[in-house]
Amino acid sequence: MVSFLLLACFQLLIFVFILLKFPLKEGSDRFLLLIAIGGTLALLSKLVFYQLDVNADNNLLYTISSTLCFAAMSHLFSVEVFTGKRSKVITIVLHLVPYGFSLCYFGYEVIRISGGPLMDLQEIRLVAAVENYMRTVSLLIYLALDLRLFILHRQAVQARYRTVNGSLSLYFTVHKLLLLLLIGVSMLNSVQVNGTILFLGLISMPVVVFAIMHYKIFVGMKAALEEKDGRQLDFLSRSNASKYAKSNPDDERYEEYKARILSYLEREKPFLDLDFSLQHLAEALDLSNHDVSITLNSRMDTTFYQLVNTARVEHFLQHSEAVLHGEKTILAAAYESGFNSKSTFNKYFKMVTGESPREFLKRRSMDDLRIS
């Protein structure tokens, strides 16, 4: 009892932190918010049972199931990340039907324990069995749907799996697989399956929420630091290259390098790769990093970081019709253009266009309406 309450309090603190701290209300991140809310309600239902039921240890399986919410919402999160298509409200509601059933059954259990009207014993057993098996079946179905999504959109998966949302999507799928494996092992070894499901229900959601915190905060902070380091390196590179260029009047050679750089970017579009670096550019053109830096800074009046992210913004603009028509989300199109974070995309988009992505798309939409 004491250990459960400690775990419950710890889990509840994490959920409250997630709900209050994270701006998870836009785009695919809204599914992470729903996962956190679903887990919070599931935890509160277990605490309610401990307050109402002297046999709560035996009846916790009849509380709200966080697994039903996690399995469905994590799949929809992956769909938006890898297809770029925004899920409709009705789609989200339909996928939450099993979780709604769990909510309703918990409500009935609370009424029953409080002395309210009872169902027939056979009906109670039937409903309890349905809810119990829904957890396992839901994991199986959504794991299969995840794998189908990855196969059908393998190019998008390959392009985005290193992004924050892409990595988180893959983790969610692995988490479902591990849950199913643990349930399967308990069945094969004649371990009480109900106890295993209850244990997983208590441990699973804190792990999921920790993963969300890891990718959304720690990995996001790492990306921000890498961006800052990149800007500092660009500054040093520009300073050193400018000094060197003044003492080296060989303009024709660097003009040739400039033409080769622009041609390579236009032809191969290497900036679509998240890991594209100054080193990669130099190796592709058979030049030294020093020569590339001099060319960028003294002949193109830019830095590698600015050049690459500007090219990514231009690629986004060339393919913005899909976003305007609702076929992709802004973030999905940004990832496809080579960006690995929303903040970097927004910063360079405004730097290039003078507008935020939403302002630009709104204006484009209005212009299209005037033309039509």
Protein backbone atom coordinates (compact mmCIF):
# COMPACT_ATOMS: atom_id res chain seq x y z
CA MET A 1 0.00 0.00 0.00
CA VAL A 2 2.73 2.47 1.00
CA SER A 3 4.87 1.64 -2.04
CA PHE A 4 1.87 2.06 -4.34
CA LEU A 5 1.01 5.45 -2.86
CA LEU A 6 4.61 6.60 -3.27
CA LEU A 7 4.59 5.51 -6.90
CA ALA A 8 1.19 7.13 -7.42
CA CYS A 9 2.31 10.44 -5.94
CA PHE A 10 5.50 10.43 -8.02
CA GLN A 11 3.54 9.63 -11.17
CA LEU A 12 0.97 12.32 -10.44
CA LEU A 13 3.71 14.94 -9.93
CA ILE A 14 5.21 14.05 -13.31
CA PHE A 15 1.81 14.32 -15.00
CA VAL A 16 1.07 17.70 -13.38
CA PHE A 17 4.50 18.94 -14.49
CA ILE A 18 3.81 17.77 -18.05
CA LEU A 19 0.41 19.46 -18.16
CA LEU A 20 1.60 22.77 -16.70
CA LYS A 21 5.08 23.07 -18.18
CA PHE A 22 4.91 21.77 -21.73
CA PRO A 23 3.33 23.74 -24.57
CA LEU A 24 1.77 20.60 -26.09
CA LYS A 25 -1.39 22.11 -27.58
CA GLU A 26 -0.54 22.50 -31.25
CA GLY A 27 0.14 20.08 -34.09
CA SER A 28 0.97 16.48 -33.30
CA ASP A 29 2.00 17.49 -29.77
CA ARG A 30 -1.65 17.63 -28.75
CA PHE A 31 -1.63 13.82 -28.71
CA LEU A 32 1.12 13.91 -26.09
CA LEU A 33 -1.11 16.15 -24.02
CA LEU A 34 -3.97 13.64 -24.37
CA ILE A 35 -1.64 10.81 -23.31
CA ALA A 36 -0.66 12.78 -20.19
CA ILE A 37 -4.31 13.58 -19.38
CA GLY A 38 -5.34 9.96 -19.93
CA GLY A 39 -2.58 8.74 -17.64
CA THR A 40 -3.50 11.28 -14.97
CA LEU A 41 -7.16 10.22 -14.96
CA ALA A 42 -6.12 6.56 -14.78
CA LEU A 43 -3.91 7.26 -11.77
CA LEU A 44 -6.60 9.27 -10.00
CA SER A 45 -9.08 6.42 -10.52
CA LYS A 46 -6.72 4.05 -8.68
CA LEU A 47 -6.39 6.47 -5.80
CA VAL A 48 -10.19 6.75 -5.65
CA PHE A 49 -10.45 2.95 -5.44
CA TYR A 50 -8.08 2.87 -2.52
CA GLN A 51 -10.27 5.36 -0.73
CA LEU A 52 -13.56 3.56 -1.45
CA ASP A 53 -12.79 -0.15 -1.65
CA VAL A 54 -11.27 -2.26 1.13
CA ASN A 55 -10.42 -4.86 -1.54
CA ALA A 56 -8.82 -2.33 -3.85
CA ASP A 57 -5.74 -4.51 -4.40
CA ASN A 58 -7.95 -7.05 -6.16
CA ASN A 59 -10.06 -4.58 -8.08
CA LEU A 60 -7.54 -2.10 -9.52
CA LEU A 61 -7.94 -3.69 -12.95
CA TYR A 62 -11.41 -2.16 -13.04
CA THR A 63 -10.04 1.36 -12.84
CA ILE A 64 -9.45 3.56 -15.90
CA SER A 65 -6.90 2.09 -18.30
CA SER A 66 -4.12 4.44 -19.37
CA THR A 67 -2.98 1.80 -21.90
CA LEU A 68 -6.11 2.29 -24.02
CA CYS A 69 -5.42 6.02 -24.30
CA PHE A 70 -1.67 5.60 -24.86
CA ALA A 71 -2.01 2.96 -27.59
CA ALA A 72 -4.48 5.02 -29.63
CA MET A 73 -3.03 8.51 -29.19
CA SER A 74 0.59 7.43 -29.74
CA HIS A 75 -0.46 5.89 -33.06
CA LEU A 76 -2.22 9.08 -34.19
CA PHE A 77 0.88 11.02 -33.11
CA SER A 78 3.00 8.81 -35.39
CA VAL A 79 0.53 9.23 -38.26
CA GLU A 80 0.84 13.01 -38.16
CA VAL A 81 4.63 12.90 -37.74
CA PHE A 82 5.29 10.60 -40.70
CA THR A 83 2.45 11.50 -43.08
CA GLY A 84 2.06 15.19 -42.24
CA LYS A 85 -1.73 14.80 -42.36
CA ARG A 86 -3.67 16.38 -39.51
CA SER A 87 -6.16 14.06 -37.82
CA LYS A 88 -9.76 15.23 -37.71
CA VAL A 89 -11.55 15.62 -34.39
CA ILE A 90 -13.98 12.81 -35.25
CA THR A 91 -11.02 10.49 -35.91
CA ILE A 92 -9.54 11.25 -32.50
CA VAL A 93 -12.90 10.70 -30.81
CA LEU A 94 -13.40 7.33 -32.52
CA HIS A 95 -9.95 6.14 -31.46
CA LEU A 96 -10.78 7.15 -27.88
CA VAL A 97 -13.95 5.02 -27.74
CA PRO A 98 -12.25 2.10 -25.89
CA TYR A 99 -10.82 4.56 -23.37
CA GLY A 100 -14.31 6.04 -23.00
CA PHE A 101 -15.64 2.55 -22.26
CA SER A 102 -13.02 2.24 -19.52
CA LEU A 103 -14.13 5.58 -18.06
CA CYS A 104 -17.78 4.49 -18.03
CA TYR A 105 -17.02 1.15 -16.40
CA PHE A 106 -14.96 2.84 -13.71
CA GLY A 107 -17.89 5.17 -13.07
CA TYR A 108 -20.16 2.15 -12.64
CA GLU A 109 -17.68 0.53 -10.21
CA VAL A 110 -17.63 3.68 -8.09
CA ILE A 111 -21.45 3.70 -7.98
CA ARG A 112 -21.51 -0.02 -7.11
CA ILE A 113 -19.02 0.35 -4.26
CA SER A 114 -20.93 3.38 -2.98
CA GLY A 115 -24.10 1.29 -2.74
CA GLY A 116 -25.74 2.23 -6.02
CA PRO A 117 -27.78 -0.01 -8.36
CA LEU A 118 -26.02 -3.22 -9.43
CA MET A 119 -25.87 -5.14 -12.69
CA ASP A 120 -26.45 -8.86 -12.85
CA LEU A 121 -23.37 -10.84 -11.74
CA GLN A 122 -23.00 -12.42 -15.18
CA GLU A 123 -23.13 -8.99 -16.83
CA ILE A 124 -20.48 -7.67 -14.45
CA ARG A 125 -18.14 -10.55 -15.29
CA LEU A 126 -18.71 -10.05 -19.01
CA VAL A 127 -18.00 -6.32 -18.90
CA ALA A 128 -14.93 -6.83 -16.70
CA ALA A 129 -13.56 -9.48 -19.08
CA VAL A 130 -14.12 -7.22 -22.09
CA GLU A 131 -12.28 -4.32 -20.48
CA ASN A 132 -9.48 -6.61 -19.33
CA TYR A 133 -8.84 -8.05 -22.80
CA MET A 134 -9.26 -4.67 -24.49
CA ARG A 135 -5.86 -3.64 -23.12
CA THR A 136 -4.02 -6.48 -24.84
CA VAL A 137 -6.08 -6.34 -28.01
CA SER A 138 -5.63 -2.56 -28.25
CA LEU A 139 -1.85 -2.92 -27.99
CA LEU A 140 -1.88 -5.62 -30.70
CA ILE A 141 -4.03 -3.59 -33.08
CA TYR A 142 -2.12 -0.34 -32.72
CA LEU A 143 1.26 -2.06 -32.91
CA ALA A 144 0.14 -3.60 -36.22
CA LEU A 145 -1.07 -0.20 -37.43
CA ASP A 146 2.27 1.39 -36.44
CA LEU A 147 4.21 -1.22 -38.41
CA ARG A 148 1.91 -0.77 -41.41
CA LEU A 149 2.47 3.00 -41.22
CA PHE A 150 6.24 2.55 -41.17
CA ILE A 151 6.14 0.25 -44.20
CA LEU A 152 3.83 2.47 -46.27
CA HIS A 153 5.77 5.64 -45.41
CA ARG A 154 9.27 4.22 -45.06
CA GLN A 155 10.85 7.14 -46.93
CA ALA A 156 9.33 9.63 -44.49
CA VAL A 157 10.43 7.43 -41.57
CA GLN A 158 13.99 7.34 -42.90
CA ALA A 159 13.96 11.13 -43.32
CA ARG A 160 12.50 11.96 -39.90
CA TYR A 161 13.49 9.24 -37.47
CA ARG A 162 16.35 11.41 -36.15
CA THR A 163 14.03 14.33 -35.38
CA VAL A 164 12.58 14.72 -31.88
CA ASN A 165 9.06 13.66 -32.90
CA GLY A 166 10.34 10.90 -35.16
CA SER A 167 12.44 9.38 -32.38
CA LEU A 168 9.54 9.65 -29.95
CA SER A 169 7.21 7.90 -32.41
CA LEU A 170 9.61 4.99 -32.78
CA TYR A 171 9.97 4.77 -29.00
CA PHE A 172 6.19 4.55 -28.60
CA THR A 173 6.09 1.58 -30.98
CA VAL A 174 8.92 -0.18 -29.13
CA HIS A 175 7.10 0.47 -25.84
CA LYS A 176 3.95 -1.22 -27.14
CA LEU A 177 5.99 -4.20 -28.31
CA LEU A 178 7.69 -4.56 -24.91
CA LEU A 179 4.33 -4.42 -23.10
CA LEU A 180 2.96 -7.18 -25.34
CA LEU A 181 6.07 -9.30 -24.85
CA LEU A 182 5.80 -9.04 -21.07
CA ILE A 183 2.12 -9.98 -21.17
CA GLY A 184 2.90 -12.88 -23.51
CA VAL A 185 5.70 -14.18 -21.27
CA SER A 186 3.38 -14.08 -18.26
CA MET A 187 0.82 -16.15 -20.18
CA LEU A 188 3.38 -18.75 -21.29
CA ASN A 189 4.79 -19.12 -17.80
CA SER A 190 1.37 -19.38 -16.14
CA VAL A 191 1.99 -16.18 -14.21
CA GLN A 192 -1.19 -14.40 -13.21
CA VAL A 193 -1.90 -12.20 -16.21
CA ASN A 194 -4.09 -9.78 -14.26
CA GLY A 195 -1.22 -9.06 -11.88
CA THR A 196 1.14 -8.49 -14.80
CA ILE A 197 -1.28 -6.09 -16.51
CA LEU A 198 -1.76 -4.19 -13.26
CA PHE A 199 1.99 -3.93 -12.71
CA LEU A 200 2.54 -2.72 -16.27
CA GLY A 201 -0.29 -0.22 -15.89
CA LEU A 202 1.41 1.32 -12.85
CA ILE A 203 4.93 1.35 -14.29
CA SER A 204 4.23 1.95 -17.98
CA MET A 205 2.90 5.51 -17.90
CA PRO A 206 5.71 7.02 -15.79
CA VAL A 207 8.16 5.52 -18.32
CA VAL A 208 6.17 6.95 -21.24
CA VAL A 209 5.98 10.39 -19.68
CA PHE A 210 9.69 10.31 -18.86
CA ALA A 211 10.34 9.52 -22.54
CA ILE A 212 8.23 12.53 -23.55
CA MET A 213 10.21 14.71 -21.15
CA HIS A 214 13.49 13.30 -22.45
CA TYR A 215 12.80 13.95 -26.12
CA LYS A 216 10.85 17.19 -25.77
CA ILE A 217 13.08 18.86 -23.17
CA PHE A 218 16.53 17.29 -23.01
CA VAL A 219 16.93 16.41 -26.69
CA GLY A 220 15.31 19.74 -27.60
CA MET A 221 17.78 21.57 -25.36
CA LYS A 222 20.64 19.67 -26.99
CA ALA A 223 19.45 20.77 -30.43
CA ALA A 224 19.27 24.37 -29.22
CA LEU A 225 22.81 24.17 -27.85
CA GLU A 226 24.05 22.67 -31.12
CA GLU A 227 22.40 25.53 -32.99
CA LYS A 228 24.13 28.04 -30.69
CA ASP A 229 27.48 26.29 -31.20
CA GLY A 230 26.87 26.33 -34.95
CA ARG A 231 26.30 30.08 -34.90
CA GLN A 232 29.49 30.59 -32.88
CA LEU A 233 31.49 28.44 -35.29
CA ASP A 234 30.01 30.37 -38.20
CA PHE A 235 31.05 33.63 -36.58
CA LEU A 236 34.62 32.41 -36.03
CA SER A 237 34.71 30.98 -39.52
CA ARG A 238 33.57 34.25 -41.07
CA SER A 239 36.08 36.25 -39.05
CA ASN A 240 39.03 34.03 -39.93
CA ALA A 241 38.02 33.63 -43.55
CA SER A 242 37.66 37.38 -44.03
CA LYS A 243 41.15 37.97 -42.68
CA TYR A 244 42.58 35.27 -44.93
CA ALA A 245 40.70 36.50 -47.99
CA LYS A 246 42.21 39.99 -47.67
CA SER A 247 45.68 38.55 -47.90
CA ASN A 248 44.77 36.22 -50.76
CA PRO A 249 43.55 38.07 -53.87
CA ASP A 250 42.98 34.87 -55.91
CA ASP A 251 39.38 35.86 -56.74
CA GLU A 252 38.86 33.56 -59.71
CA ARG A 253 39.47 30.40 -57.74
CA TYR A 254 36.86 31.31 -55.11
CA GLU A 255 34.38 32.39 -57.76
CA GLU A 256 34.72 28.92 -59.24
CA TYR A 257 34.17 27.37 -55.79
CA LYS A 258 31.08 29.55 -55.35
CA ALA A 259 29.61 28.30 -58.63
CA ARG A 260 30.36 24.69 -57.65
CA ILE A 261 28.72 25.11 -54.23
CA LEU A 262 25.55 26.64 -55.67
CA SER A 263 25.36 24.03 -58.41
CA TYR A 264 25.79 21.19 -55.93
CA LEU A 265 23.10 22.53 -53.60
CA GLU A 266 20.67 23.00 -56.49
CA ARG A 267 21.39 19.64 -58.09
CA GLU A 268 21.75 17.27 -55.10
CA LYS A 269 19.80 19.13 -52.39
CA PRO A 270 22.04 17.74 -49.62
CA PHE A 271 20.53 20.20 -47.11
CA LEU A 272 17.50 17.90 -46.85
CA ASP A 273 19.69 15.59 -44.77
CA LEU A 274 19.52 16.53 -41.08
CA ASP A 275 23.20 15.69 -40.61
CA PHE A 276 24.50 17.74 -43.54
CA SER A 277 27.60 19.64 -42.38
CA LEU A 278 30.42 21.84 -43.62
CA GLN A 279 32.63 18.75 -43.67
CA HIS A 280 30.13 16.90 -45.91
CA LEU A 281 29.98 19.84 -48.31
CA ALA A 282 33.77 20.11 -48.51
CA GLU A 283 34.20 16.36 -49.11
CA ALA A 284 31.51 16.32 -51.82
CA LEU A 285 33.32 19.10 -53.72
CA ASP A 286 36.79 17.79 -52.96
CA LEU A 287 37.73 21.01 -51.19
CA SER A 288 39.12 21.80 -47.76
CA ASN A 289 36.87 23.14 -45.00
CA HIS A 290 38.99 26.28 -45.07
CA ASP A 291 38.39 26.95 -48.77
CA VAL A 292 34.64 26.38 -48.38
CA SER A 293 34.49 28.77 -45.43
CA ILE A 294 36.40 31.45 -47.32
CA THR A 295 34.10 31.08 -50.32
CA LEU A 296 30.94 31.32 -48.23
CA ASN A 297 32.08 34.25 -46.16
CA SER A 298 34.01 36.40 -48.63
CA ARG A 299 32.29 35.56 -51.92
CA MET A 300 28.72 34.78 -50.84
CA ASP A 301 28.51 36.99 -47.74
CA THR A 302 26.99 34.18 -45.66
CA THR A 303 27.91 31.34 -43.32
CA PHE A 304 27.37 27.63 -43.77
CA TYR A 305 24.56 27.58 -41.21
CA GLN A 306 22.76 30.51 -42.83
CA LEU A 307 23.22 29.10 -46.34
CA VAL A 308 21.84 25.67 -45.47
CA ASN A 309 18.85 26.90 -43.46
CA THR A 310 17.98 29.48 -46.09
CA ALA A 311 17.98 26.69 -48.70
CA ARG A 312 15.70 24.67 -46.42
CA VAL A 313 13.26 27.57 -46.10
CA GLU A 314 13.21 28.00 -49.89
CA HIS A 315 12.51 24.27 -50.28
CA PHE A 316 9.61 24.63 -47.82
CA LEU A 317 8.22 27.57 -49.80
CA GLN A 318 8.42 25.60 -53.05
CA HIS A 319 6.37 22.79 -51.47
CA SER A 320 4.01 24.89 -49.34
CA GLU A 321 0.97 24.03 -51.50
CA ALA A 322 0.61 20.74 -49.62
CA VAL A 323 0.38 22.66 -46.34
CA LEU A 324 -2.09 25.18 -47.78
CA HIS A 325 -4.36 22.35 -48.96
CA GLY A 326 -4.25 20.62 -45.59
CA GLU A 327 -2.33 17.62 -46.93
CA LYS A 328 0.57 18.17 -44.50
CA THR A 329 1.19 20.01 -41.26
CA ILE A 330 3.66 22.89 -41.13
CA LEU A 331 6.02 20.91 -38.91
CA ALA A 332 5.95 17.84 -41.16
CA ALA A 333 6.86 19.97 -44.19
CA ALA A 334 9.63 21.63 -42.15
CA TYR A 335 11.09 18.25 -41.25
CA GLU A 336 10.95 17.20 -44.90
CA SER A 337 12.90 20.35 -45.75
CA GLY A 338 15.76 19.31 -43.47
CA PHE A 339 15.00 21.15 -40.21
CA ASN A 340 15.28 19.17 -37.00
CA SER A 341 13.51 21.58 -34.65
CA LYS A 342 10.51 23.88 -34.76
CA SER A 343 12.38 26.82 -33.20
CA THR A 344 15.15 26.78 -35.81
CA PHE A 345 12.59 26.56 -38.61
CA ASN A 346 10.55 29.50 -37.26
CA LYS A 347 13.68 31.62 -36.76
CA TYR A 348 15.07 31.18 -40.26
CA PHE A 349 11.66 31.32 -41.92
CA LYS A 350 11.06 34.78 -40.48
CA MET A 351 14.62 35.78 -41.35
CA VAL A 352 14.07 34.84 -45.01
CA THR A 353 10.44 35.91 -45.52
CA GLY A 354 9.91 38.56 -42.83
CA GLU A 355 6.84 36.61 -41.63
CA SER A 356 6.11 33.68 -39.35
CA PRO A 357 5.08 30.45 -41.13
CA ARG A 358 1.44 30.90 -40.08
CA GLU A 359 1.36 34.52 -41.22
CA PHE A 360 2.86 33.56 -44.57
CA LEU A 361 0.41 30.69 -45.14
CA LYS A 362 -2.54 32.83 -44.09
CA ARG A 363 -1.54 35.52 -46.57
CA ARG A 364 -1.02 32.95 -49.32
CA SER A 365 -4.44 31.51 -48.60
CA MET A 366 -6.05 34.96 -48.82
CA ASP A 367 -4.20 35.68 -52.09
CA ASP A 368 -5.46 32.40 -53.57
CA LEU A 369 -9.03 33.33 -52.60
CA ARG A 370 -8.71 36.73 -54.31
CA ILE A 371 -7.38 35.13 -57.49
CA SER A 372 -10.17 32.57 -57.59
